[in-house]
Amino acid sequence: SYSVMEICHEHWQKSGIAARIEKHKTIVVEAKLSSEMGACVERYEELVQRGQGAMFFAVCRGKASEGIDFADRRARAVVITGLPYPPLKEPRVVLKRKYLDAIRPEQAQMLRAGDKVLTGNDWYQQQAYRAVNQAIGRVIRHRNDYGAVILCDDRFGSSAARDALSLWLRPRIHVCAGFGDASKELVRFFKANLSKP
């Protein structure tokens, strides 16, 4: 959510983390207002074109999640912190979950053996992973593109979470023991892909 992103960004600014990042890359934060999004993306693109690069902070299901092409050097990594569940108490979410649970007995009678009925909770989980997969798709835009996908949440280590990720990504997943391990993997990955445009 935008509020969580703002809290994180403010914390990074107060703690000095943002200043350390900005020694290497300029931070661009996704605009809340649609009318400001064009200027935000233009600024990011300009930094990339200059060869300086930038970090684009955005939220899953936000304005940057669809319709903007971050192909090639426009995005070489996506970092996802947490699982982007829809707001649990949002009326649309509450109604959808109740509806799926209410029609479950009817659906069960119509299914073939081995098929699974989608429960309200299954749908809720599905929405979070749909947003994750969409965010991952921001960094890999075509067959010859490359980029690192960094999933920062212990829940991504479970087999159920990996099964919810896009099929093309699953065989490429590396679960790292900690920051040092992840850092080494990223250096290795980018060195191997450095010769690509």
N, C-alpha and C. Protein backbone atom coordinates (compact mmCIF):
# COMPACT_ATOMS: atom_id res chain seq x y z
N SER A 1 0.84 -1.19 0.00
CA SER A 1 0.00 0.00 0.00
C SER A 1 0.88 1.25 0.00
N TYR A 2 0.29 2.34 -0.43
CA TYR A 2 1.04 3.60 -0.47
C TYR A 2 1.46 4.03 0.93
N SER A 3 0.60 3.78 1.92
CA SER A 3 0.96 4.22 3.28
C SER A 3 2.15 3.43 3.81
N VAL A 4 2.23 2.13 3.53
CA VAL A 4 3.38 1.33 3.98
C VAL A 4 4.64 1.79 3.25
N MET A 5 4.53 2.05 1.94
CA MET A 5 5.69 2.53 1.19
C MET A 5 6.18 3.86 1.76
N GLU A 6 5.26 4.77 2.10
CA GLU A 6 5.65 6.06 2.67
C GLU A 6 6.36 5.88 4.02
N ILE A 7 5.84 4.98 4.85
CA ILE A 7 6.45 4.71 6.16
C ILE A 7 7.87 4.20 5.96
N CYS A 8 8.04 3.25 5.05
CA CYS A 8 9.38 2.69 4.77
C CYS A 8 10.32 3.75 4.25
N HIS A 9 9.86 4.57 3.31
CA HIS A 9 10.70 5.60 2.72
C HIS A 9 11.10 6.63 3.78
N GLU A 10 10.15 7.02 4.62
CA GLU A 10 10.46 7.97 5.70
C GLU A 10 11.49 7.38 6.67
N HIS A 11 11.32 6.11 6.99
CA HIS A 11 12.28 5.44 7.89
C HIS A 11 13.67 5.42 7.26
N TRP A 12 13.73 5.10 5.98
CA TRP A 12 15.01 5.07 5.28
C TRP A 12 15.65 6.46 5.26
N GLN A 13 14.84 7.49 5.11
CA GLN A 13 15.38 8.85 5.12
C GLN A 13 15.92 9.22 6.50
N LYS A 14 15.16 8.92 7.55
CA LYS A 14 15.57 9.27 8.92
C LYS A 14 16.78 8.46 9.38
N SER A 15 16.86 7.19 8.95
CA SER A 15 17.94 6.32 9.41
C SER A 15 19.23 6.48 8.60
N GLY A 16 19.16 7.22 7.48
CA GLY A 16 20.35 7.41 6.65
C GLY A 16 20.49 6.38 5.54
N ILE A 17 19.61 5.40 5.50
CA ILE A 17 19.68 4.37 4.46
C ILE A 17 19.46 4.99 3.08
N ALA A 18 18.48 5.89 2.97
CA ALA A 18 18.20 6.54 1.68
C ALA A 18 19.42 7.34 1.20
N ALA A 19 20.10 8.02 2.09
CA ALA A 19 21.29 8.80 1.71
C ALA A 19 22.39 7.87 1.18
N ARG A 20 22.55 6.71 1.82
CA ARG A 20 23.56 5.74 1.35
C ARG A 20 23.18 5.22 -0.03
N ILE A 21 21.90 4.95 -0.25
CA ILE A 21 21.44 4.47 -1.56
C ILE A 21 21.68 5.55 -2.61
N GLU A 22 21.34 6.79 -2.27
CA GLU A 22 21.41 7.87 -3.25
C GLU A 22 22.84 8.28 -3.61
N LYS A 23 23.82 7.73 -2.92
CA LYS A 23 25.21 7.91 -3.36
C LYS A 23 25.44 7.15 -4.67
N HIS A 24 24.60 6.15 -4.92
CA HIS A 24 24.75 5.29 -6.10
C HIS A 24 23.60 5.44 -7.10
N LYS A 25 22.39 5.57 -6.58
CA LYS A 25 21.19 5.63 -7.43
C LYS A 25 20.22 6.65 -6.84
N THR A 26 19.57 7.41 -7.73
CA THR A 26 18.53 8.34 -7.30
C THR A 26 17.25 7.55 -7.01
N ILE A 27 16.57 7.90 -5.94
CA ILE A 27 15.31 7.24 -5.60
C ILE A 27 14.16 8.03 -6.21
N VAL A 28 13.30 7.34 -6.95
CA VAL A 28 12.09 7.93 -7.51
C VAL A 28 10.92 7.16 -6.88
N VAL A 29 9.96 7.87 -6.32
CA VAL A 29 8.83 7.24 -5.65
C VAL A 29 7.58 7.38 -6.51
N GLU A 30 6.88 6.28 -6.69
CA GLU A 30 5.64 6.26 -7.48
C GLU A 30 4.67 7.32 -6.96
N ALA A 31 4.12 8.09 -7.87
CA ALA A 31 3.16 9.14 -7.50
C ALA A 31 1.82 8.50 -7.11
N LYS A 32 1.20 9.07 -6.10
CA LYS A 32 -0.13 8.60 -5.70
C LYS A 32 -1.19 9.01 -6.72
N LEU A 33 -1.05 10.21 -7.25
CA LEU A 33 -2.04 10.74 -8.17
C LEU A 33 -1.71 10.36 -9.61
N SER A 34 -2.71 9.90 -10.34
CA SER A 34 -2.52 9.53 -11.75
C SER A 34 -1.98 10.69 -12.55
N SER A 35 -2.42 11.91 -12.23
CA SER A 35 -2.00 13.09 -12.98
C SER A 35 -0.51 13.38 -12.82
N GLU A 36 0.13 12.85 -11.78
CA GLU A 36 1.55 13.08 -11.52
C GLU A 36 2.43 11.92 -11.99
N MET A 37 1.79 10.82 -12.40
CA MET A 37 2.55 9.62 -12.73
C MET A 37 3.42 9.80 -13.97
N GLY A 38 2.93 10.50 -14.98
CA GLY A 38 3.72 10.74 -16.20
C GLY A 38 5.04 11.41 -15.91
N ALA A 39 5.02 12.46 -15.11
CA ALA A 39 6.24 13.19 -14.75
C ALA A 39 7.19 12.31 -13.94
N CYS A 40 6.62 11.49 -13.11
CA CYS A 40 7.41 10.57 -12.28
C CYS A 40 8.18 9.57 -13.16
N VAL A 41 7.48 8.97 -14.11
CA VAL A 41 8.10 8.00 -15.02
C VAL A 41 9.12 8.70 -15.92
N GLU A 42 8.80 9.91 -16.39
CA GLU A 42 9.74 10.67 -17.23
C GLU A 42 11.05 10.92 -16.48
N ARG A 43 10.95 11.28 -15.22
CA ARG A 43 12.16 11.53 -14.41
C ARG A 43 12.99 10.26 -14.30
N TYR A 44 12.32 9.16 -14.02
CA TYR A 44 13.01 7.87 -13.91
C TYR A 44 13.69 7.52 -15.24
N GLU A 45 12.95 7.62 -16.35
CA GLU A 45 13.49 7.30 -17.68
C GLU A 45 14.71 8.17 -18.00
N GLU A 46 14.63 9.44 -17.65
CA GLU A 46 15.74 10.37 -17.91
C GLU A 46 17.00 9.94 -17.17
N LEU A 47 16.84 9.54 -15.92
CA LEU A 47 17.99 9.07 -15.13
C LEU A 47 18.59 7.80 -15.73
N VAL A 48 17.74 6.90 -16.21
CA VAL A 48 18.21 5.67 -16.84
C VAL A 48 18.95 5.99 -18.13
N GLN A 49 18.38 6.88 -18.96
CA GLN A 49 18.99 7.25 -20.24
C GLN A 49 20.37 7.89 -20.06
N ARG A 50 20.53 8.64 -18.98
CA ARG A 50 21.82 9.29 -18.70
C ARG A 50 22.88 8.29 -18.24
N GLY A 51 22.44 7.06 -17.97
CA GLY A 51 23.38 6.04 -17.51
C GLY A 51 23.58 6.04 -16.01
N GLN A 52 22.89 6.93 -15.33
CA GLN A 52 23.01 7.05 -13.88
C GLN A 52 22.19 5.96 -13.18
N GLY A 53 21.07 5.60 -13.79
CA GLY A 53 20.19 4.63 -13.16
C GLY A 53 19.40 5.25 -12.03
N ALA A 54 18.47 4.49 -11.51
CA ALA A 54 17.63 4.97 -10.42
C ALA A 54 16.93 3.79 -9.76
N MET A 55 16.40 4.03 -8.57
CA MET A 55 15.54 3.05 -7.89
C MET A 55 14.13 3.61 -7.95
N PHE A 56 13.20 2.81 -8.43
CA PHE A 56 11.80 3.24 -8.54
C PHE A 56 11.01 2.51 -7.47
N PHE A 57 10.56 3.25 -6.45
CA PHE A 57 9.74 2.66 -5.40
C PHE A 57 8.29 2.69 -5.85
N ALA A 58 7.64 1.53 -5.82
CA ALA A 58 6.25 1.44 -6.25
C ALA A 58 5.54 0.39 -5.41
N VAL A 59 4.24 0.37 -5.50
CA VAL A 59 3.45 -0.61 -4.76
C VAL A 59 2.82 -1.60 -5.74
N CYS A 60 2.65 -2.82 -5.27
CA CYS A 60 1.94 -3.82 -6.06
C CYS A 60 0.50 -3.35 -6.23
N ARG A 61 -0.04 -3.55 -7.40
CA ARG A 61 -1.38 -3.11 -7.78
C ARG A 61 -1.49 -1.58 -7.88
N GLY A 62 -0.34 -0.90 -7.89
CA GLY A 62 -0.34 0.56 -8.02
C GLY A 62 -0.31 0.98 -9.48
N LYS A 63 -0.03 2.24 -9.69
CA LYS A 63 -0.03 2.80 -11.05
C LYS A 63 1.09 2.26 -11.93
N ALA A 64 2.19 1.85 -11.32
CA ALA A 64 3.33 1.33 -12.09
C ALA A 64 3.20 -0.16 -12.40
N SER A 65 2.16 -0.79 -11.89
CA SER A 65 2.03 -2.24 -12.07
C SER A 65 1.51 -2.64 -13.45
N GLU A 66 0.95 -1.72 -14.19
CA GLU A 66 0.45 -2.02 -15.53
C GLU A 66 0.71 -0.86 -16.48
N GLY A 67 0.94 -1.21 -17.75
CA GLY A 67 0.99 -0.20 -18.80
C GLY A 67 2.29 0.55 -18.96
N ILE A 68 3.27 0.30 -18.12
CA ILE A 68 4.56 0.98 -18.25
C ILE A 68 5.59 -0.09 -18.62
N ASP A 69 6.35 0.14 -19.66
CA ASP A 69 7.33 -0.83 -20.13
C ASP A 69 8.69 -0.55 -19.49
N PHE A 70 9.11 -1.45 -18.62
CA PHE A 70 10.41 -1.34 -17.96
C PHE A 70 11.38 -2.36 -18.57
N ALA A 71 11.39 -2.50 -19.88
CA ALA A 71 12.24 -3.48 -20.56
C ALA A 71 13.71 -3.10 -20.48
N ASP A 72 14.52 -4.12 -20.63
CA ASP A 72 15.97 -3.98 -20.74
C ASP A 72 16.55 -3.19 -19.57
N ARG A 73 17.38 -2.19 -19.85
CA ARG A 73 18.08 -1.50 -18.75
C ARG A 73 17.18 -0.59 -17.94
N ARG A 74 15.91 -0.47 -18.32
CA ARG A 74 14.98 0.34 -17.53
C ARG A 74 14.66 -0.33 -16.19
N ALA A 75 14.90 -1.64 -16.12
CA ALA A 75 14.70 -2.36 -14.85
C ALA A 75 15.54 -3.62 -14.87
N ARG A 76 16.49 -3.69 -14.00
CA ARG A 76 17.34 -4.88 -13.91
C ARG A 76 17.08 -5.66 -12.62
N ALA A 77 16.17 -5.16 -11.81
CA ALA A 77 15.80 -5.90 -10.59
C ALA A 77 14.46 -5.40 -10.09
N VAL A 78 13.76 -6.30 -9.45
CA VAL A 78 12.54 -5.94 -8.72
C VAL A 78 12.68 -6.56 -7.33
N VAL A 79 12.40 -5.76 -6.33
CA VAL A 79 12.47 -6.22 -4.94
C VAL A 79 11.05 -6.17 -4.38
N ILE A 80 10.57 -7.30 -3.90
CA ILE A 80 9.23 -7.36 -3.33
C ILE A 80 9.36 -7.66 -1.85
N THR A 81 8.85 -6.76 -1.03
CA THR A 81 8.90 -6.93 0.42
C THR A 81 7.50 -7.28 0.91
N GLY A 82 7.35 -8.43 1.45
CA GLY A 82 6.05 -8.86 1.96
C GLY A 82 5.15 -9.40 0.86
N LEU A 83 3.98 -9.84 1.26
CA LEU A 83 2.97 -10.33 0.31
C LEU A 83 1.87 -9.28 0.21
N PRO A 84 1.57 -8.84 -0.99
CA PRO A 84 0.60 -7.75 -1.18
C PRO A 84 -0.86 -8.22 -1.19
N TYR A 85 -1.34 -8.61 -0.02
CA TYR A 85 -2.74 -9.01 0.10
C TYR A 85 -3.65 -7.81 -0.07
N PRO A 86 -4.82 -8.00 -0.67
CA PRO A 86 -5.78 -6.90 -0.72
C PRO A 86 -6.24 -6.57 0.71
N PRO A 87 -6.73 -5.36 0.94
CA PRO A 87 -7.20 -5.01 2.29
C PRO A 87 -8.32 -5.97 2.74
N LEU A 88 -8.08 -6.67 3.84
CA LEU A 88 -8.98 -7.71 4.32
C LEU A 88 -10.39 -7.21 4.60
N LYS A 89 -10.51 -5.98 5.08
CA LYS A 89 -11.82 -5.45 5.47
C LYS A 89 -12.50 -4.65 4.36
N GLU A 90 -11.85 -4.54 3.20
CA GLU A 90 -12.46 -3.81 2.08
C GLU A 90 -13.76 -4.53 1.69
N PRO A 91 -14.86 -3.80 1.53
CA PRO A 91 -16.16 -4.45 1.25
C PRO A 91 -16.14 -5.41 0.06
N ARG A 92 -15.45 -5.06 -1.01
CA ARG A 92 -15.39 -5.93 -2.19
C ARG A 92 -14.72 -7.27 -1.83
N VAL A 93 -13.67 -7.21 -1.02
CA VAL A 93 -12.94 -8.41 -0.62
C VAL A 93 -13.79 -9.26 0.31
N VAL A 94 -14.44 -8.63 1.27
CA VAL A 94 -15.31 -9.35 2.21
C VAL A 94 -16.42 -10.07 1.45
N LEU A 95 -17.08 -9.36 0.53
CA LEU A 95 -18.18 -9.95 -0.25
C LEU A 95 -17.71 -11.10 -1.13
N LYS A 96 -16.59 -10.94 -1.79
CA LYS A 96 -16.07 -11.99 -2.67
C LYS A 96 -15.75 -13.25 -1.87
N ARG A 97 -15.12 -13.10 -0.73
CA ARG A 97 -14.77 -14.26 0.10
C ARG A 97 -16.03 -14.96 0.60
N LYS A 98 -17.00 -14.18 1.06
CA LYS A 98 -18.26 -14.77 1.55
C LYS A 98 -18.99 -15.49 0.42
N TYR A 99 -19.04 -14.87 -0.75
CA TYR A 99 -19.72 -15.46 -1.90
C TYR A 99 -19.09 -16.80 -2.28
N LEU A 100 -17.77 -16.85 -2.39
CA LEU A 100 -17.09 -18.09 -2.77
C LEU A 100 -17.31 -19.19 -1.73
N ASP A 101 -17.31 -18.82 -0.47
CA ASP A 101 -17.56 -19.82 0.58
C ASP A 101 -19.02 -20.29 0.57
N ALA A 102 -19.95 -19.38 0.23
CA ALA A 102 -21.37 -19.74 0.19
C ALA A 102 -21.70 -20.68 -0.97
N ILE A 103 -21.07 -20.49 -2.12
CA ILE A 103 -21.40 -21.34 -3.27
C ILE A 103 -20.55 -22.60 -3.33
N ARG A 104 -19.67 -22.76 -2.38
CA ARG A 104 -18.75 -23.90 -2.37
C ARG A 104 -19.48 -25.24 -2.44
N PRO A 105 -20.52 -25.49 -1.65
CA PRO A 105 -21.20 -26.79 -1.74
C PRO A 105 -21.77 -27.07 -3.15
N GLU A 106 -22.34 -26.02 -3.79
CA GLU A 106 -22.88 -26.18 -5.15
C GLU A 106 -21.77 -26.52 -6.14
N GLN A 107 -20.65 -25.82 -6.02
CA GLN A 107 -19.52 -26.05 -6.93
C GLN A 107 -18.97 -27.46 -6.76
N ALA A 108 -18.88 -27.92 -5.53
CA ALA A 108 -18.32 -29.24 -5.25
C ALA A 108 -19.10 -30.34 -5.96
N GLN A 109 -20.41 -30.17 -6.09
CA GLN A 109 -21.25 -31.19 -6.75
C GLN A 109 -21.00 -31.22 -8.26
N MET A 110 -20.57 -30.12 -8.84
CA MET A 110 -20.38 -30.03 -10.29
C MET A 110 -18.97 -30.39 -10.74
N LEU A 111 -18.04 -30.58 -9.82
CA LEU A 111 -16.66 -30.82 -10.19
C LEU A 111 -16.39 -32.27 -10.54
N ARG A 112 -15.38 -32.45 -11.39
CA ARG A 112 -14.89 -33.78 -11.69
C ARG A 112 -13.97 -34.21 -10.56
N ALA A 113 -13.72 -35.49 -10.45
CA ALA A 113 -12.83 -36.01 -9.41
C ALA A 113 -11.45 -35.38 -9.56
N GLY A 114 -10.86 -34.94 -8.47
CA GLY A 114 -9.53 -34.34 -8.48
C GLY A 114 -9.53 -32.83 -8.62
N ASP A 115 -10.64 -32.24 -9.08
CA ASP A 115 -10.72 -30.78 -9.18
C ASP A 115 -10.90 -30.19 -7.79
N LYS A 116 -10.51 -28.94 -7.63
CA LYS A 116 -10.58 -28.28 -6.33
C LYS A 116 -11.53 -27.09 -6.41
N VAL A 117 -12.33 -26.94 -5.37
CA VAL A 117 -13.24 -25.80 -5.27
C VAL A 117 -12.46 -24.61 -4.72
N LEU A 118 -12.63 -23.44 -5.33
CA LEU A 118 -11.96 -22.22 -4.89
C LEU A 118 -12.72 -21.64 -3.69
N THR A 119 -12.06 -21.62 -2.54
CA THR A 119 -12.66 -21.04 -1.35
C THR A 119 -12.37 -19.54 -1.30
N GLY A 120 -13.01 -18.86 -0.38
CA GLY A 120 -12.75 -17.44 -0.20
C GLY A 120 -11.30 -17.18 0.17
N ASN A 121 -10.73 -18.04 1.01
CA ASN A 121 -9.33 -17.87 1.40
C ASN A 121 -8.39 -18.19 0.24
N ASP A 122 -8.72 -19.22 -0.55
CA ASP A 122 -7.91 -19.54 -1.74
C ASP A 122 -7.86 -18.33 -2.67
N TRP A 123 -9.02 -17.72 -2.90
CA TRP A 123 -9.09 -16.54 -3.77
C TRP A 123 -8.23 -15.40 -3.22
N TYR A 124 -8.30 -15.20 -1.90
CA TYR A 124 -7.54 -14.13 -1.24
C TYR A 124 -6.04 -14.35 -1.44
N GLN A 125 -5.57 -15.59 -1.25
CA GLN A 125 -4.17 -15.93 -1.47
C GLN A 125 -3.80 -15.69 -2.94
N GLN A 126 -4.68 -16.12 -3.83
CA GLN A 126 -4.46 -15.98 -5.27
C GLN A 126 -4.26 -14.51 -5.67
N GLN A 127 -5.01 -13.62 -5.05
CA GLN A 127 -4.89 -12.20 -5.36
C GLN A 127 -3.51 -11.66 -4.99
N ALA A 128 -2.97 -12.10 -3.85
CA ALA A 128 -1.64 -11.65 -3.44
C ALA A 128 -0.59 -12.13 -4.43
N TYR A 129 -0.66 -13.39 -4.82
CA TYR A 129 0.36 -13.93 -5.73
C TYR A 129 0.17 -13.42 -7.16
N ARG A 130 -1.03 -13.09 -7.54
CA ARG A 130 -1.25 -12.47 -8.85
C ARG A 130 -0.52 -11.12 -8.90
N ALA A 131 -0.61 -10.35 -7.81
CA ALA A 131 0.09 -9.06 -7.75
C ALA A 131 1.61 -9.25 -7.75
N VAL A 132 2.09 -10.27 -7.06
CA VAL A 132 3.52 -10.57 -7.04
C VAL A 132 4.00 -10.91 -8.45
N ASN A 133 3.27 -11.80 -9.13
CA ASN A 133 3.66 -12.20 -10.48
C ASN A 133 3.63 -11.02 -11.45
N GLN A 134 2.68 -10.14 -11.26
CA GLN A 134 2.61 -8.96 -12.11
C GLN A 134 3.82 -8.04 -11.87
N ALA A 135 4.21 -7.89 -10.62
CA ALA A 135 5.38 -7.07 -10.29
C ALA A 135 6.65 -7.70 -10.86
N ILE A 136 6.75 -9.01 -10.79
CA ILE A 136 7.91 -9.72 -11.35
C ILE A 136 7.97 -9.48 -12.86
N GLY A 137 6.81 -9.44 -13.49
CA GLY A 137 6.74 -9.21 -14.93
C GLY A 137 7.20 -7.83 -15.35
N ARG A 138 7.35 -6.91 -14.43
CA ARG A 138 7.85 -5.57 -14.76
C ARG A 138 9.33 -5.63 -15.16
N VAL A 139 10.09 -6.57 -14.63
CA VAL A 139 11.53 -6.61 -14.87
C VAL A 139 11.90 -7.52 -16.05
N ILE A 140 11.13 -8.53 -16.33
CA ILE A 140 11.40 -9.42 -17.46
C ILE A 140 10.32 -9.17 -18.50
N ARG A 141 10.66 -8.45 -19.57
CA ARG A 141 9.66 -8.01 -20.54
C ARG A 141 9.67 -8.79 -21.85
N HIS A 142 10.78 -9.49 -22.16
CA HIS A 142 10.85 -10.26 -23.39
C HIS A 142 11.86 -11.39 -23.21
N ARG A 143 11.95 -12.24 -24.20
CA ARG A 143 12.75 -13.46 -24.13
C ARG A 143 14.23 -13.20 -23.81
N ASN A 144 14.80 -12.14 -24.33
CA ASN A 144 16.22 -11.87 -24.13
C ASN A 144 16.51 -10.89 -23.00
N ASP A 145 15.49 -10.46 -22.30
CA ASP A 145 15.65 -9.53 -21.18
C ASP A 145 16.17 -10.31 -19.97
N TYR A 146 16.74 -9.63 -19.04
CA TYR A 146 17.16 -10.28 -17.79
C TYR A 146 17.00 -9.30 -16.64
N GLY A 147 16.89 -9.86 -15.46
CA GLY A 147 16.78 -9.04 -14.26
C GLY A 147 16.67 -9.94 -13.04
N ALA A 148 17.05 -9.41 -11.92
CA ALA A 148 16.97 -10.15 -10.66
C ALA A 148 15.60 -9.92 -10.03
N VAL A 149 15.06 -10.97 -9.46
CA VAL A 149 13.80 -10.89 -8.72
C VAL A 149 14.15 -11.23 -7.28
N ILE A 150 13.98 -10.27 -6.39
CA ILE A 150 14.37 -10.46 -4.99
C ILE A 150 13.10 -10.43 -4.15
N LEU A 151 12.78 -11.59 -3.56
CA LEU A 151 11.57 -11.73 -2.76
C LEU A 151 11.96 -11.73 -1.30
N CYS A 152 11.67 -10.64 -0.60
CA CYS A 152 12.12 -10.44 0.78
C CYS A 152 11.01 -10.73 1.78
N ASP A 153 10.76 -11.99 1.98
CA ASP A 153 9.78 -12.42 2.98
C ASP A 153 9.97 -13.92 3.15
N ASP A 154 10.06 -14.38 4.38
CA ASP A 154 10.26 -15.82 4.64
C ASP A 154 9.19 -16.69 4.00
N ARG A 155 7.99 -16.14 3.85
CA ARG A 155 6.89 -16.93 3.29
C ARG A 155 7.16 -17.37 1.86
N PHE A 156 8.01 -16.64 1.13
CA PHE A 156 8.35 -17.04 -0.24
C PHE A 156 9.21 -18.31 -0.27
N GLY A 157 9.76 -18.70 0.87
CA GLY A 157 10.58 -19.91 0.94
C GLY A 157 9.77 -21.19 0.96
N SER A 158 8.48 -21.10 1.20
CA SER A 158 7.65 -22.31 1.28
C SER A 158 7.35 -22.86 -0.11
N SER A 159 7.11 -24.16 -0.18
CA SER A 159 6.80 -24.77 -1.48
C SER A 159 5.46 -24.26 -2.01
N ALA A 160 4.50 -23.98 -1.14
CA ALA A 160 3.20 -23.45 -1.59
C ALA A 160 3.38 -22.07 -2.24
N ALA A 161 4.25 -21.25 -1.67
CA ALA A 161 4.50 -19.92 -2.25
C ALA A 161 5.19 -20.05 -3.60
N ARG A 162 6.17 -20.92 -3.68
CA ARG A 162 6.87 -21.11 -4.97
C ARG A 162 5.92 -21.65 -6.02
N ASP A 163 4.98 -22.51 -5.63
CA ASP A 163 4.00 -23.05 -6.58
C ASP A 163 3.05 -21.98 -7.09
N ALA A 164 2.92 -20.89 -6.36
CA ALA A 164 2.02 -19.80 -6.78
C ALA A 164 2.73 -18.81 -7.71
N LEU A 165 4.03 -18.95 -7.86
CA LEU A 165 4.79 -18.06 -8.75
C LEU A 165 4.71 -18.56 -10.20
N SER A 166 4.98 -17.69 -11.13
CA SER A 166 4.91 -18.03 -12.55
C SER A 166 5.79 -19.25 -12.86
N LEU A 167 5.29 -20.11 -13.75
CA LEU A 167 5.99 -21.35 -14.10
C LEU A 167 7.42 -21.09 -14.58
N TRP A 168 7.63 -20.07 -15.41
CA TRP A 168 8.96 -19.81 -15.96
C TRP A 168 9.97 -19.44 -14.89
N LEU A 169 9.48 -18.91 -13.76
CA LEU A 169 10.37 -18.45 -12.70
C LEU A 169 10.79 -19.59 -11.76
N ARG A 170 9.93 -20.55 -11.54
CA ARG A 170 10.16 -21.59 -10.52
C ARG A 170 11.50 -22.30 -10.60
N PRO A 171 11.95 -22.75 -11.78
CA PRO A 171 13.24 -23.45 -11.79
C PRO A 171 14.45 -22.55 -11.53
N ARG A 172 14.24 -21.25 -11.54
CA ARG A 172 15.34 -20.30 -11.36
C ARG A 172 15.43 -19.75 -9.93
N ILE A 173 14.57 -20.23 -9.05
CA ILE A 173 14.53 -19.70 -7.68
C ILE A 173 15.71 -20.21 -6.87
N HIS A 174 16.39 -19.28 -6.18
CA HIS A 174 17.46 -19.60 -5.24
C HIS A 174 17.04 -19.06 -3.89
N VAL A 175 16.91 -19.92 -2.90
CA VAL A 175 16.59 -19.46 -1.55
C VAL A 175 17.91 -19.22 -0.84
N CYS A 176 18.13 -18.00 -0.40
CA CYS A 176 19.39 -17.61 0.23
C CYS A 176 19.26 -17.65 1.75
N ALA A 177 20.36 -18.02 2.41
CA ALA A 177 20.38 -18.14 3.86
C ALA A 177 20.39 -16.79 4.57
N GLY A 178 20.87 -15.78 3.92
CA GLY A 178 20.94 -14.46 4.53
C GLY A 178 21.40 -13.42 3.53
N PHE A 179 21.68 -12.22 4.03
CA PHE A 179 22.06 -11.11 3.16
C PHE A 179 23.36 -11.40 2.40
N GLY A 180 24.35 -11.94 3.09
CA GLY A 180 25.64 -12.23 2.45
C GLY A 180 25.49 -13.20 1.30
N ASP A 181 24.73 -14.25 1.52
CA ASP A 181 24.46 -15.25 0.48
C ASP A 181 23.73 -14.62 -0.70
N ALA A 182 22.74 -13.79 -0.41
CA ALA A 182 21.96 -13.12 -1.47
C ALA A 182 22.86 -12.17 -2.26
N SER A 183 23.71 -11.44 -1.56
CA SER A 183 24.61 -10.49 -2.20
C SER A 183 25.55 -11.21 -3.16
N LYS A 184 26.12 -12.34 -2.75
CA LYS A 184 27.01 -13.13 -3.61
C LYS A 184 26.27 -13.63 -4.84
N GLU A 185 25.04 -14.11 -4.66
CA GLU A 185 24.24 -14.60 -5.78
C GLU A 185 23.95 -13.48 -6.79
N LEU A 186 23.63 -12.30 -6.27
CA LEU A 186 23.35 -11.16 -7.16
C LEU A 186 24.59 -10.73 -7.95
N VAL A 187 25.73 -10.69 -7.30
CA VAL A 187 26.98 -10.34 -7.99
C VAL A 187 27.25 -11.36 -9.09
N ARG A 188 27.13 -12.64 -8.76
CA ARG A 188 27.34 -13.70 -9.74
C ARG A 188 26.37 -13.55 -10.91
N PHE A 189 25.09 -13.32 -10.61
CA PHE A 189 24.06 -13.18 -11.64
C PHE A 189 24.37 -12.03 -12.59
N PHE A 190 24.69 -10.86 -12.03
CA PHE A 190 24.92 -9.70 -12.88
C PHE A 190 26.23 -9.80 -13.65
N LYS A 191 27.25 -10.41 -13.09
CA LYS A 191 28.48 -10.64 -13.85
C LYS A 191 28.23 -11.54 -15.05
N ALA A 192 27.41 -12.56 -14.86
CA ALA A 192 27.09 -13.49 -15.94
C ALA A 192 26.28 -12.82 -17.04
N ASN A 193 25.51 -11.81 -16.70
CA ASN A 193 24.64 -11.14 -17.68
C ASN A 193 25.16 -9.79 -18.15
N LEU A 194 26.30 -9.37 -17.65
CA LEU A 194 26.83 -8.05 -17.95
C LEU A 194 27.06 -7.79 -19.44
N SER A 195 27.38 -8.82 -20.18
CA SER A 195 27.67 -8.63 -21.61
C SER A 195 26.41 -8.40 -22.42
N LYS A 196 25.24 -8.67 -21.85
CA LYS A 196 23.99 -8.44 -22.56
C LYS A 196 23.66 -6.95 -22.55
N PRO A 197 22.94 -6.47 -23.58
CA PRO A 197 22.61 -5.02 -23.63
C PRO A 197 21.66 -4.58 -22.55
